Amino acid sequence: MPDCARALTPSCSPPLSSYWRYISIYRHLQRNPENQLYPLFEYFENWCQDENRHGDFFAAILKARPELLAGTQGRLWARFFCLSVYVTMYLNDHSRSAFYELLGLDTTQFNRHVIIETNKTTARIFPEVPDTDDPAFWPRMDKLVGLSRELSAVSAEGGALAGLRKVPIFASFAAVLLSLWFGRMQRAGSADLDPSVAPVY
């Protein structure tokens, strides 16, 4: 797999986040063709639409099984799914900042845009999504990036005490993840699934 394709494929990338990632890159390269550094990007529009169709199929499955999104359990699964995807994507992409810089993109701004748009789309079907307008949300995400870099630095340095030096970093990482989990959420969802919830468009 070419390096650029590998960079575009996060380890946890369901259809909606993939669509917004790809369409955002495509639109950026349409405006800045001088940054189109690999022939792969010539086919990006079709790739984007494939991911969009995957997202539609995923939504159709959930609408066919509304019990999966119902009640407290459904909201907790939605919260876990969204946060696990957003955190994984944010950390992975910040570890590959050089690639996005080659495309003329700011990694942080790009990731925030993708997560915000993915969240809006996800809110049309999921009963609950993270509130990305919460003033604490992005500082927490950025804190995870900083801690991830600290872990990488300790690993690179090595030494007999490297494992011990990682313990407080892991503890801080877990604390930030918990703060995201218990952070502000936005009730959402489709009126088709829960008439008591106003649809989000």
N, C-alpha and C. Protein backbone atom coordinates (compact mmCIF):
# COMPACT_ATOMS: atom_id res chain seq x y z
N MET A 1 0.84 -1.19 0.00
CA MET A 1 0.00 0.00 0.00
C MET A 1 0.88 1.25 0.00
N PRO A 2 0.62 2.24 -0.87
CA PRO A 2 1.41 3.46 -0.87
C PRO A 2 1.33 4.17 0.47
N ASP A 3 2.38 4.93 0.82
CA ASP A 3 2.40 5.64 2.10
C ASP A 3 1.19 6.55 2.25
N CYS A 4 0.80 7.23 1.16
CA CYS A 4 -0.31 8.17 1.28
C CYS A 4 -1.61 7.43 1.57
N ALA A 5 -1.81 6.26 0.95
CA ALA A 5 -3.02 5.48 1.21
C ALA A 5 -3.03 4.98 2.64
N ARG A 6 -1.86 4.56 3.14
CA ARG A 6 -1.76 4.08 4.52
C ARG A 6 -2.10 5.21 5.49
N ALA A 7 -1.64 6.40 5.20
CA ALA A 7 -1.92 7.54 6.07
C ALA A 7 -3.39 7.91 6.07
N LEU A 8 -4.08 7.60 4.99
CA LEU A 8 -5.49 7.93 4.88
C LEU A 8 -6.39 6.89 5.51
N THR A 9 -5.83 5.82 6.02
CA THR A 9 -6.63 4.72 6.53
C THR A 9 -6.36 4.53 8.01
N PRO A 10 -7.11 5.24 8.88
CA PRO A 10 -6.91 5.08 10.30
C PRO A 10 -7.34 3.70 10.75
N SER A 11 -6.83 3.27 11.91
CA SER A 11 -7.13 1.92 12.37
C SER A 11 -8.59 1.77 12.74
N CYS A 12 -9.27 2.84 13.04
CA CYS A 12 -10.69 2.78 13.36
C CYS A 12 -11.38 3.87 12.56
N SER A 13 -11.90 3.52 11.40
CA SER A 13 -12.46 4.54 10.53
C SER A 13 -13.75 4.07 9.89
N PRO A 14 -14.88 4.19 10.60
CA PRO A 14 -16.15 3.79 10.02
C PRO A 14 -16.55 4.70 8.88
N PRO A 15 -17.61 4.35 8.14
CA PRO A 15 -17.92 5.07 6.90
C PRO A 15 -18.09 6.58 7.04
N LEU A 16 -18.76 7.06 8.09
CA LEU A 16 -19.06 8.48 8.16
C LEU A 16 -17.79 9.32 8.34
N SER A 17 -16.90 8.88 9.24
CA SER A 17 -15.67 9.65 9.42
C SER A 17 -14.79 9.55 8.18
N SER A 18 -14.79 8.38 7.52
CA SER A 18 -14.01 8.24 6.29
C SER A 18 -14.54 9.16 5.21
N TYR A 19 -15.86 9.24 5.08
CA TYR A 19 -16.43 10.12 4.06
C TYR A 19 -15.99 11.54 4.29
N TRP A 20 -16.13 12.06 5.49
CA TRP A 20 -15.78 13.46 5.74
C TRP A 20 -14.28 13.70 5.61
N ARG A 21 -13.48 12.71 5.95
CA ARG A 21 -12.04 12.82 5.76
C ARG A 21 -11.73 12.96 4.27
N TYR A 22 -12.25 12.06 3.47
CA TYR A 22 -11.92 12.03 2.05
C TYR A 22 -12.50 13.21 1.29
N ILE A 23 -13.76 13.55 1.56
CA ILE A 23 -14.38 14.65 0.81
C ILE A 23 -13.72 15.97 1.16
N SER A 24 -13.27 16.11 2.41
CA SER A 24 -12.58 17.35 2.81
C SER A 24 -11.24 17.47 2.11
N ILE A 25 -10.51 16.34 2.00
CA ILE A 25 -9.24 16.36 1.27
C ILE A 25 -9.50 16.64 -0.21
N TYR A 26 -10.51 16.00 -0.77
CA TYR A 26 -10.83 16.20 -2.19
C TYR A 26 -11.13 17.67 -2.49
N ARG A 27 -11.99 18.27 -1.67
CA ARG A 27 -12.34 19.68 -1.88
C ARG A 27 -11.14 20.59 -1.72
N HIS A 28 -10.28 20.27 -0.74
CA HIS A 28 -9.07 21.06 -0.55
C HIS A 28 -8.17 20.97 -1.78
N LEU A 29 -8.01 19.75 -2.34
CA LEU A 29 -7.14 19.59 -3.51
C LEU A 29 -7.75 20.19 -4.77
N GLN A 30 -9.07 20.25 -4.82
CA GLN A 30 -9.71 20.93 -5.95
C GLN A 30 -9.37 22.42 -5.93
N ARG A 31 -9.30 22.97 -4.73
CA ARG A 31 -8.94 24.40 -4.59
C ARG A 31 -7.44 24.61 -4.71
N ASN A 32 -6.65 23.58 -4.40
CA ASN A 32 -5.18 23.71 -4.39
C ASN A 32 -4.56 22.55 -5.17
N PRO A 33 -4.73 22.51 -6.48
CA PRO A 33 -4.23 21.36 -7.27
C PRO A 33 -2.72 21.16 -7.19
N GLU A 34 -1.99 22.19 -6.82
CA GLU A 34 -0.53 22.04 -6.73
C GLU A 34 -0.14 21.09 -5.60
N ASN A 35 -1.07 20.81 -4.67
CA ASN A 35 -0.79 19.89 -3.56
C ASN A 35 -1.20 18.45 -3.84
N GLN A 36 -1.67 18.19 -5.05
CA GLN A 36 -2.08 16.83 -5.41
C GLN A 36 -0.84 16.02 -5.75
N LEU A 37 -0.26 15.41 -4.73
CA LEU A 37 1.09 14.86 -4.86
C LEU A 37 1.14 13.40 -5.31
N TYR A 38 -0.01 12.75 -5.48
CA TYR A 38 0.01 11.33 -5.84
C TYR A 38 -1.17 11.04 -6.75
N PRO A 39 -1.01 10.18 -7.77
CA PRO A 39 -2.11 9.90 -8.71
C PRO A 39 -3.38 9.38 -8.05
N LEU A 40 -3.24 8.81 -6.86
CA LEU A 40 -4.40 8.30 -6.13
C LEU A 40 -5.49 9.36 -6.01
N PHE A 41 -5.08 10.60 -5.83
CA PHE A 41 -6.05 11.66 -5.59
C PHE A 41 -6.88 12.00 -6.82
N GLU A 42 -6.46 11.54 -7.99
CA GLU A 42 -7.26 11.76 -9.19
C GLU A 42 -8.58 10.99 -9.13
N TYR A 43 -8.64 9.97 -8.29
CA TYR A 43 -9.82 9.11 -8.19
C TYR A 43 -10.59 9.34 -6.89
N PHE A 44 -10.27 10.42 -6.22
CA PHE A 44 -10.80 10.62 -4.88
C PHE A 44 -12.29 10.88 -4.84
N GLU A 45 -12.85 11.52 -5.86
CA GLU A 45 -14.28 11.83 -5.81
C GLU A 45 -15.10 10.54 -5.75
N ASN A 46 -14.76 9.56 -6.58
CA ASN A 46 -15.49 8.29 -6.54
C ASN A 46 -15.30 7.57 -5.21
N TRP A 47 -14.09 7.65 -4.67
CA TRP A 47 -13.81 7.04 -3.38
C TRP A 47 -14.70 7.67 -2.30
N CYS A 48 -14.82 9.00 -2.36
CA CYS A 48 -15.65 9.71 -1.39
C CYS A 48 -17.09 9.23 -1.45
N GLN A 49 -17.62 9.09 -2.67
CA GLN A 49 -19.01 8.69 -2.81
C GLN A 49 -19.22 7.24 -2.38
N ASP A 50 -18.21 6.39 -2.58
CA ASP A 50 -18.30 5.02 -2.06
C ASP A 50 -18.46 5.04 -0.55
N GLU A 51 -17.65 5.85 0.12
CA GLU A 51 -17.75 5.93 1.58
C GLU A 51 -19.09 6.50 2.01
N ASN A 52 -19.63 7.44 1.23
CA ASN A 52 -20.94 8.01 1.53
C ASN A 52 -22.02 6.94 1.46
N ARG A 53 -21.94 6.10 0.43
CA ARG A 53 -22.92 5.02 0.30
C ARG A 53 -22.79 4.01 1.44
N HIS A 54 -21.55 3.76 1.88
CA HIS A 54 -21.36 2.86 3.03
C HIS A 54 -22.04 3.44 4.26
N GLY A 55 -21.93 4.75 4.44
CA GLY A 55 -22.58 5.41 5.57
C GLY A 55 -24.09 5.29 5.49
N ASP A 56 -24.65 5.44 4.29
CA ASP A 56 -26.10 5.30 4.11
C ASP A 56 -26.54 3.88 4.45
N PHE A 57 -25.74 2.89 4.05
CA PHE A 57 -26.07 1.50 4.34
C PHE A 57 -26.02 1.24 5.84
N PHE A 58 -25.00 1.80 6.50
CA PHE A 58 -24.86 1.65 7.94
C PHE A 58 -26.07 2.25 8.65
N ALA A 59 -26.51 3.43 8.21
CA ALA A 59 -27.69 4.07 8.81
C ALA A 59 -28.94 3.24 8.58
N ALA A 60 -29.06 2.65 7.39
CA ALA A 60 -30.24 1.83 7.08
C ALA A 60 -30.31 0.61 7.99
N ILE A 61 -29.15 0.00 8.26
CA ILE A 61 -29.11 -1.16 9.15
C ILE A 61 -29.60 -0.77 10.55
N LEU A 62 -29.13 0.39 11.03
CA LEU A 62 -29.52 0.83 12.37
C LEU A 62 -31.01 1.17 12.42
N LYS A 63 -31.54 1.76 11.35
CA LYS A 63 -32.97 2.08 11.33
C LYS A 63 -33.81 0.80 11.29
N ALA A 64 -33.25 -0.25 10.69
CA ALA A 64 -33.96 -1.52 10.64
C ALA A 64 -33.92 -2.24 11.99
N ARG A 65 -32.97 -1.85 12.84
CA ARG A 65 -32.84 -2.47 14.17
C ARG A 65 -32.85 -1.37 15.24
N PRO A 66 -33.97 -0.66 15.39
CA PRO A 66 -34.02 0.48 16.33
C PRO A 66 -33.73 0.10 17.77
N GLU A 67 -33.93 -1.18 18.11
CA GLU A 67 -33.66 -1.60 19.49
C GLU A 67 -32.18 -1.44 19.85
N LEU A 68 -31.31 -1.41 18.84
CA LEU A 68 -29.88 -1.25 19.12
C LEU A 68 -29.54 0.14 19.63
N LEU A 69 -30.43 1.10 19.36
CA LEU A 69 -30.18 2.49 19.75
C LEU A 69 -31.09 2.95 20.88
N ALA A 70 -31.90 2.04 21.39
CA ALA A 70 -32.92 2.43 22.36
C ALA A 70 -32.38 2.48 23.79
N GLY A 71 -32.96 3.38 24.57
CA GLY A 71 -32.71 3.43 26.00
C GLY A 71 -31.30 3.85 26.39
N THR A 72 -31.01 3.64 27.68
CA THR A 72 -29.70 4.02 28.23
C THR A 72 -28.58 3.25 27.57
N GLN A 73 -28.80 1.96 27.34
CA GLN A 73 -27.75 1.15 26.73
C GLN A 73 -27.40 1.67 25.34
N GLY A 74 -28.41 2.05 24.56
CA GLY A 74 -28.14 2.59 23.23
C GLY A 74 -27.35 3.88 23.28
N ARG A 75 -27.70 4.74 24.23
CA ARG A 75 -26.97 6.01 24.36
C ARG A 75 -25.52 5.78 24.77
N LEU A 76 -25.30 4.82 25.67
CA LEU A 76 -23.93 4.54 26.12
C LEU A 76 -23.09 3.94 24.99
N TRP A 77 -23.69 3.04 24.20
CA TRP A 77 -22.96 2.48 23.07
C TRP A 77 -22.64 3.57 22.04
N ALA A 78 -23.59 4.49 21.81
CA ALA A 78 -23.35 5.58 20.88
C ALA A 78 -22.21 6.47 21.37
N ARG A 79 -22.22 6.74 22.67
CA ARG A 79 -21.15 7.56 23.26
C ARG A 79 -19.80 6.88 23.10
N PHE A 80 -19.75 5.58 23.42
CA PHE A 80 -18.50 4.83 23.30
C PHE A 80 -18.02 4.80 21.85
N PHE A 81 -18.92 4.52 20.92
CA PHE A 81 -18.55 4.43 19.51
C PHE A 81 -17.97 5.75 19.01
N CYS A 82 -18.69 6.84 19.27
CA CYS A 82 -18.22 8.15 18.78
C CYS A 82 -16.88 8.53 19.38
N LEU A 83 -16.76 8.42 20.70
CA LEU A 83 -15.51 8.84 21.35
C LEU A 83 -14.34 7.97 20.94
N SER A 84 -14.56 6.66 20.81
CA SER A 84 -13.45 5.78 20.42
C SER A 84 -12.97 6.12 19.01
N VAL A 85 -13.90 6.42 18.10
CA VAL A 85 -13.53 6.79 16.74
C VAL A 85 -12.82 8.14 16.72
N TYR A 86 -13.38 9.12 17.39
CA TYR A 86 -12.81 10.47 17.34
C TYR A 86 -11.41 10.51 17.98
N VAL A 87 -11.27 9.86 19.13
CA VAL A 87 -9.96 9.87 19.81
C VAL A 87 -8.92 9.14 18.96
N THR A 88 -9.29 7.96 18.44
CA THR A 88 -8.35 7.20 17.62
C THR A 88 -7.92 8.00 16.40
N MET A 89 -8.88 8.61 15.73
CA MET A 89 -8.58 9.38 14.52
C MET A 89 -7.69 10.59 14.86
N TYR A 90 -8.03 11.28 15.92
CA TYR A 90 -7.27 12.48 16.30
C TYR A 90 -5.82 12.14 16.62
N LEU A 91 -5.62 11.05 17.37
CA LEU A 91 -4.26 10.65 17.74
C LEU A 91 -3.49 10.13 16.53
N ASN A 92 -4.12 9.28 15.72
CA ASN A 92 -3.43 8.74 14.55
C ASN A 92 -3.01 9.83 13.59
N ASP A 93 -3.91 10.76 13.32
CA ASP A 93 -3.59 11.80 12.34
C ASP A 93 -2.51 12.75 12.86
N HIS A 94 -2.51 13.02 14.15
CA HIS A 94 -1.46 13.89 14.69
C HIS A 94 -0.10 13.19 14.70
N SER A 95 -0.11 11.86 14.64
CA SER A 95 1.16 11.16 14.53
C SER A 95 1.65 11.13 13.08
N ARG A 96 0.79 11.56 12.15
CA ARG A 96 1.15 11.59 10.73
C ARG A 96 1.03 13.01 10.18
N SER A 97 1.33 13.99 11.00
CA SER A 97 1.15 15.38 10.60
C SER A 97 1.92 15.73 9.33
N ALA A 98 3.07 15.10 9.13
CA ALA A 98 3.88 15.42 7.95
C ALA A 98 3.11 15.17 6.66
N PHE A 99 2.30 14.12 6.64
CA PHE A 99 1.52 13.82 5.44
C PHE A 99 0.52 14.92 5.15
N TYR A 100 -0.21 15.37 6.16
CA TYR A 100 -1.21 16.40 5.96
C TYR A 100 -0.56 17.74 5.60
N GLU A 101 0.61 17.98 6.15
CA GLU A 101 1.32 19.21 5.79
C GLU A 101 1.75 19.18 4.33
N LEU A 102 2.11 17.99 3.80
CA LEU A 102 2.44 17.87 2.38
C LEU A 102 1.25 18.23 1.50
N LEU A 103 0.06 17.97 2.00
CA LEU A 103 -1.16 18.32 1.25
C LEU A 103 -1.55 19.78 1.44
N GLY A 104 -0.82 20.48 2.29
CA GLY A 104 -1.15 21.88 2.56
C GLY A 104 -2.23 22.05 3.61
N LEU A 105 -2.41 21.03 4.45
CA LEU A 105 -3.44 21.07 5.48
C LEU A 105 -2.82 21.23 6.86
N ASP A 106 -3.54 21.91 7.73
CA ASP A 106 -3.17 21.96 9.14
C ASP A 106 -3.84 20.76 9.82
N THR A 107 -3.05 19.87 10.42
CA THR A 107 -3.60 18.63 10.96
C THR A 107 -4.69 18.86 11.98
N THR A 108 -4.48 19.79 12.89
CA THR A 108 -5.47 20.02 13.94
C THR A 108 -6.76 20.59 13.36
N GLN A 109 -6.65 21.61 12.52
CA GLN A 109 -7.85 22.20 11.92
C GLN A 109 -8.59 21.17 11.07
N PHE A 110 -7.84 20.38 10.30
CA PHE A 110 -8.46 19.37 9.45
C PHE A 110 -9.22 18.35 10.30
N ASN A 111 -8.58 17.85 11.35
CA ASN A 111 -9.23 16.86 12.19
C ASN A 111 -10.46 17.40 12.89
N ARG A 112 -10.38 18.61 13.36
CA ARG A 112 -11.55 19.20 14.02
C ARG A 112 -12.71 19.33 13.05
N HIS A 113 -12.41 19.76 11.84
CA HIS A 113 -13.47 19.88 10.82
C HIS A 113 -14.10 18.52 10.55
N VAL A 114 -13.27 17.48 10.37
CA VAL A 114 -13.79 16.14 10.06
C VAL A 114 -14.65 15.62 11.21
N ILE A 115 -14.19 15.79 12.44
CA ILE A 115 -14.94 15.30 13.59
C ILE A 115 -16.25 16.06 13.76
N ILE A 116 -16.22 17.37 13.59
CA ILE A 116 -17.45 18.16 13.73
C ILE A 116 -18.48 17.76 12.69
N GLU A 117 -18.05 17.60 11.44
CA GLU A 117 -19.00 17.22 10.38
C GLU A 117 -19.48 15.78 10.56
N THR A 118 -18.58 14.89 10.96
CA THR A 118 -18.99 13.51 11.24
C THR A 118 -20.01 13.48 12.37
N ASN A 119 -19.77 14.28 13.39
CA ASN A 119 -20.68 14.34 14.54
C ASN A 119 -22.06 14.82 14.13
N LYS A 120 -22.10 15.81 13.25
CA LYS A 120 -23.41 16.32 12.77
C LYS A 120 -24.17 15.23 12.02
N THR A 121 -23.45 14.49 11.17
CA THR A 121 -24.09 13.43 10.40
C THR A 121 -24.52 12.29 11.31
N THR A 122 -23.66 11.92 12.24
CA THR A 122 -23.97 10.84 13.17
C THR A 122 -25.19 11.18 14.03
N ALA A 123 -25.33 12.45 14.35
CA ALA A 123 -26.45 12.89 15.19
C ALA A 123 -27.81 12.67 14.53
N ARG A 124 -27.82 12.43 13.23
CA ARG A 124 -29.09 12.18 12.55
C ARG A 124 -29.65 10.80 12.86
N ILE A 125 -28.80 9.92 13.38
CA ILE A 125 -29.24 8.55 13.63
C ILE A 125 -28.96 8.10 15.06
N PHE A 126 -27.80 8.48 15.63
CA PHE A 126 -27.47 8.05 16.99
C PHE A 126 -28.29 8.84 18.01
N PRO A 127 -28.65 8.22 19.13
CA PRO A 127 -29.46 8.92 20.14
C PRO A 127 -28.67 9.96 20.93
N GLU A 128 -27.35 9.89 20.86
CA GLU A 128 -26.51 10.79 21.65
C GLU A 128 -25.14 10.89 20.98
N VAL A 129 -24.60 12.09 20.95
CA VAL A 129 -23.26 12.30 20.40
C VAL A 129 -22.50 13.27 21.30
N PRO A 130 -21.17 13.26 21.27
CA PRO A 130 -20.41 14.23 22.06
C PRO A 130 -20.73 15.65 21.62
N ASP A 131 -20.73 16.55 22.57
CA ASP A 131 -20.97 17.96 22.27
C ASP A 131 -19.62 18.60 21.94
N THR A 132 -19.34 18.72 20.64
CA THR A 132 -18.05 19.29 20.22
C THR A 132 -17.99 20.80 20.43
N ASP A 133 -19.11 21.42 20.80
CA ASP A 133 -19.12 22.85 21.14
C ASP A 133 -18.79 23.09 22.61
N ASP A 134 -18.69 22.01 23.37
CA ASP A 134 -18.31 22.13 24.78
C ASP A 134 -16.90 22.73 24.84
N PRO A 135 -16.70 23.84 25.56
CA PRO A 135 -15.36 24.47 25.62
C PRO A 135 -14.26 23.53 26.12
N ALA A 136 -14.63 22.48 26.83
CA ALA A 136 -13.62 21.56 27.36
C ALA A 136 -13.27 20.44 26.38
N PHE A 137 -14.05 20.25 25.33
CA PHE A 137 -13.85 19.08 24.46
C PHE A 137 -12.51 19.10 23.75
N TRP A 138 -12.19 20.17 23.03
CA TRP A 138 -10.96 20.20 22.24
C TRP A 138 -9.71 20.29 23.10
N PRO A 139 -9.70 21.05 24.21
CA PRO A 139 -8.52 20.99 25.08
C PRO A 139 -8.23 19.58 25.60
N ARG A 140 -9.27 18.81 25.86
CA ARG A 140 -9.06 17.43 26.30
C ARG A 140 -8.46 16.59 25.18
N MET A 141 -8.97 16.76 23.97
CA MET A 141 -8.42 16.03 22.83
C MET A 141 -6.96 16.40 22.59
N ASP A 142 -6.64 17.68 22.70
CA ASP A 142 -5.26 18.13 22.51
C ASP A 142 -4.35 17.61 23.63
N LYS A 143 -4.92 17.49 24.83
CA LYS A 143 -4.14 16.93 25.95
C LYS A 143 -3.76 15.49 25.65
N LEU A 144 -4.65 14.73 25.04
CA LEU A 144 -4.34 13.35 24.67
C LEU A 144 -3.20 13.30 23.65
N VAL A 145 -3.21 14.24 22.71
CA VAL A 145 -2.13 14.29 21.72
C VAL A 145 -0.79 14.53 22.41
N GLY A 146 -0.78 15.46 23.35
CA GLY A 146 0.45 15.75 24.09
C GLY A 146 0.94 14.55 24.88
N LEU A 147 0.02 13.85 25.53
CA LEU A 147 0.39 12.66 26.31
C LEU A 147 0.89 11.55 25.40
N SER A 148 0.26 11.41 24.24
CA SER A 148 0.71 10.39 23.28
C SER A 148 2.13 10.67 22.83
N ARG A 149 2.45 11.93 22.61
CA ARG A 149 3.82 12.29 22.21
C ARG A 149 4.81 12.03 23.34
N GLU A 150 4.38 12.27 24.58
CA GLU A 150 5.25 11.97 25.72
C GLU A 150 5.56 10.47 25.79
N LEU A 151 4.54 9.65 25.57
CA LEU A 151 4.74 8.20 25.58
C LEU A 151 5.71 7.78 24.49
N SER A 152 5.56 8.37 23.31
CA SER A 152 6.45 8.04 22.19
C SER A 152 7.88 8.45 22.51
N ALA A 153 8.05 9.60 23.16
CA ALA A 153 9.39 10.07 23.50
C ALA A 153 10.05 9.15 24.52
N VAL A 154 9.28 8.71 25.51
CA VAL A 154 9.83 7.81 26.52
C VAL A 154 10.22 6.49 25.88
N SER A 155 9.37 5.98 24.98
CA SER A 155 9.68 4.72 24.30
C SER A 155 10.95 4.84 23.46
N ALA A 156 11.09 6.01 22.79
CA ALA A 156 12.27 6.21 21.94
C ALA A 156 13.55 6.30 22.77
N GLU A 157 13.46 6.89 23.96
CA GLU A 157 14.63 7.01 24.82
C GLU A 157 15.03 5.67 25.41
N GLY A 158 14.03 4.84 25.69
CA GLY A 158 14.31 3.53 26.26
C GLY A 158 14.88 3.62 27.67
N GLY A 159 15.65 2.63 28.04
CA GLY A 159 16.25 2.61 29.38
C GLY A 159 15.49 1.68 30.31
N ALA A 160 16.15 1.33 31.40
CA ALA A 160 15.59 0.38 32.35
C ALA A 160 14.33 0.90 33.04
N LEU A 161 14.23 2.22 33.18
CA LEU A 161 13.09 2.79 33.91
C LEU A 161 12.00 3.32 32.98
N ALA A 162 12.10 2.99 31.71
CA ALA A 162 11.12 3.51 30.76
C ALA A 162 9.69 3.11 31.14
N GLY A 163 9.53 1.86 31.55
CA GLY A 163 8.20 1.38 31.94
C GLY A 163 7.62 2.17 33.10
N LEU A 164 8.45 2.43 34.10
CA LEU A 164 7.99 3.20 35.26
C LEU A 164 7.67 4.64 34.88
N ARG A 165 8.45 5.20 33.98
CA ARG A 165 8.22 6.58 33.58
C ARG A 165 6.89 6.73 32.81
N LYS A 166 6.45 5.61 32.23
CA LYS A 166 5.19 5.66 31.47
C LYS A 166 3.96 5.62 32.38
N VAL A 167 4.11 5.12 33.59
CA VAL A 167 2.95 4.92 34.47
C VAL A 167 2.16 6.21 34.70
N PRO A 168 2.81 7.31 35.12
CA PRO A 168 2.02 8.53 35.33
C PRO A 168 1.42 9.09 34.04
N ILE A 169 2.07 8.83 32.90
CA ILE A 169 1.51 9.29 31.63
C ILE A 169 0.25 8.50 31.30
N PHE A 170 0.32 7.18 31.51
CA PHE A 170 -0.87 6.35 31.29
C PHE A 170 -2.00 6.78 32.23
N ALA A 171 -1.66 7.10 33.47
CA ALA A 171 -2.67 7.53 34.44
C ALA A 171 -3.34 8.83 33.97
N SER A 172 -2.53 9.76 33.48
CA SER A 172 -3.09 11.02 32.97
C SER A 172 -3.96 10.78 31.74
N PHE A 173 -3.51 9.86 30.89
CA PHE A 173 -4.26 9.52 29.68
C PHE A 173 -5.64 8.98 30.05
N ALA A 174 -5.65 8.05 31.02
CA ALA A 174 -6.91 7.47 31.47
C ALA A 174 -7.83 8.53 32.07
N ALA A 175 -7.25 9.47 32.81
CA ALA A 175 -8.05 10.53 33.43
C ALA A 175 -8.70 11.42 32.37
N VAL A 176 -7.96 11.72 31.30
CA VAL A 176 -8.52 12.56 30.24
C VAL A 176 -9.62 11.80 29.50
N LEU A 177 -9.40 10.51 29.25
CA LEU A 177 -10.44 9.70 28.60
C LEU A 177 -11.71 9.68 29.44
N LEU A 178 -11.57 9.55 30.74
CA LEU A 178 -12.74 9.57 31.62
C LEU A 178 -13.45 10.91 31.58
N SER A 179 -12.66 11.99 31.50
CA SER A 179 -13.29 13.32 31.45
C SER A 179 -14.05 13.50 30.14
N LEU A 180 -13.57 12.89 29.05
CA LEU A 180 -14.31 12.92 27.80
C LEU A 180 -15.58 12.08 27.92
N TRP A 181 -15.47 10.92 28.55
CA TRP A 181 -16.63 10.04 28.70
C TRP A 181 -17.74 10.71 29.49
N PHE A 182 -17.36 11.41 30.55
CA PHE A 182 -18.35 12.07 31.39
C PHE A 182 -18.58 13.53 30.98
N GLY A 183 -18.01 13.91 29.83
CA GLY A 183 -18.19 15.27 29.35
C GLY A 183 -19.59 15.50 28.81
N ARG A 184 -19.81 16.71 28.36
CA ARG A 184 -21.15 17.10 27.90
C ARG A 184 -21.52 16.34 26.63
N MET A 185 -22.73 15.81 26.60
CA MET A 185 -23.26 15.11 25.44
C MET A 185 -24.45 15.87 24.87
N GLN A 186 -24.75 15.57 23.64
CA GLN A 186 -25.88 16.21 22.96
C GLN A 186 -26.89 15.13 22.60
N ARG A 187 -28.11 15.27 23.10
CA ARG A 187 -29.16 14.34 22.72
C ARG A 187 -29.51 14.58 21.26
N ALA A 188 -29.67 13.52 20.52
CA ALA A 188 -29.90 13.64 19.09
C ALA A 188 -30.78 12.49 18.65
N GLY A 189 -30.62 12.04 17.41
CA GLY A 189 -31.33 10.88 16.93
C GLY A 189 -32.39 11.20 15.90
N SER A 190 -32.90 10.15 15.30
CA SER A 190 -33.91 10.26 14.27
C SER A 190 -35.30 10.11 14.86
N ALA A 191 -36.22 10.96 14.41
CA ALA A 191 -37.60 10.86 14.86
C ALA A 191 -38.22 9.54 14.43
N ASP A 192 -37.65 8.90 13.41
CA ASP A 192 -38.14 7.60 12.96
C ASP A 192 -37.95 6.54 14.04
N LEU A 193 -36.91 6.74 14.87
CA LEU A 193 -36.57 5.75 15.87
C LEU A 193 -37.11 6.10 17.24
N ASP A 194 -37.17 7.38 17.56
CA ASP A 194 -37.62 7.82 18.88
C ASP A 194 -38.41 9.12 18.73
N PRO A 195 -39.73 9.06 18.71
CA PRO A 195 -40.54 10.27 18.51
C PRO A 195 -40.34 11.33 19.56
N SER A 196 -39.79 10.95 20.73
CA SER A 196 -39.58 11.94 21.79
C SER A 196 -38.35 12.78 21.58
N VAL A 197 -37.52 12.40 20.60
CA VAL A 197 -36.28 13.12 20.32
C VAL A 197 -36.45 13.93 19.03
N ALA A 198 -36.17 15.23 19.12
CA ALA A 198 -36.29 16.06 17.92
C ALA A 198 -35.20 15.68 16.94
N PRO A 199 -35.56 15.52 15.66
CA PRO A 199 -34.54 15.15 14.68
C PRO A 199 -33.51 16.25 14.47
N VAL A 200 -32.30 15.88 14.15
CA VAL A 200 -31.22 16.82 13.91
C VAL A 200 -30.94 16.85 12.42
N TYR A 201 -30.97 18.03 11.81
CA TYR A 201 -30.69 18.16 10.37
C TYR A 201 -29.57 19.17 10.12
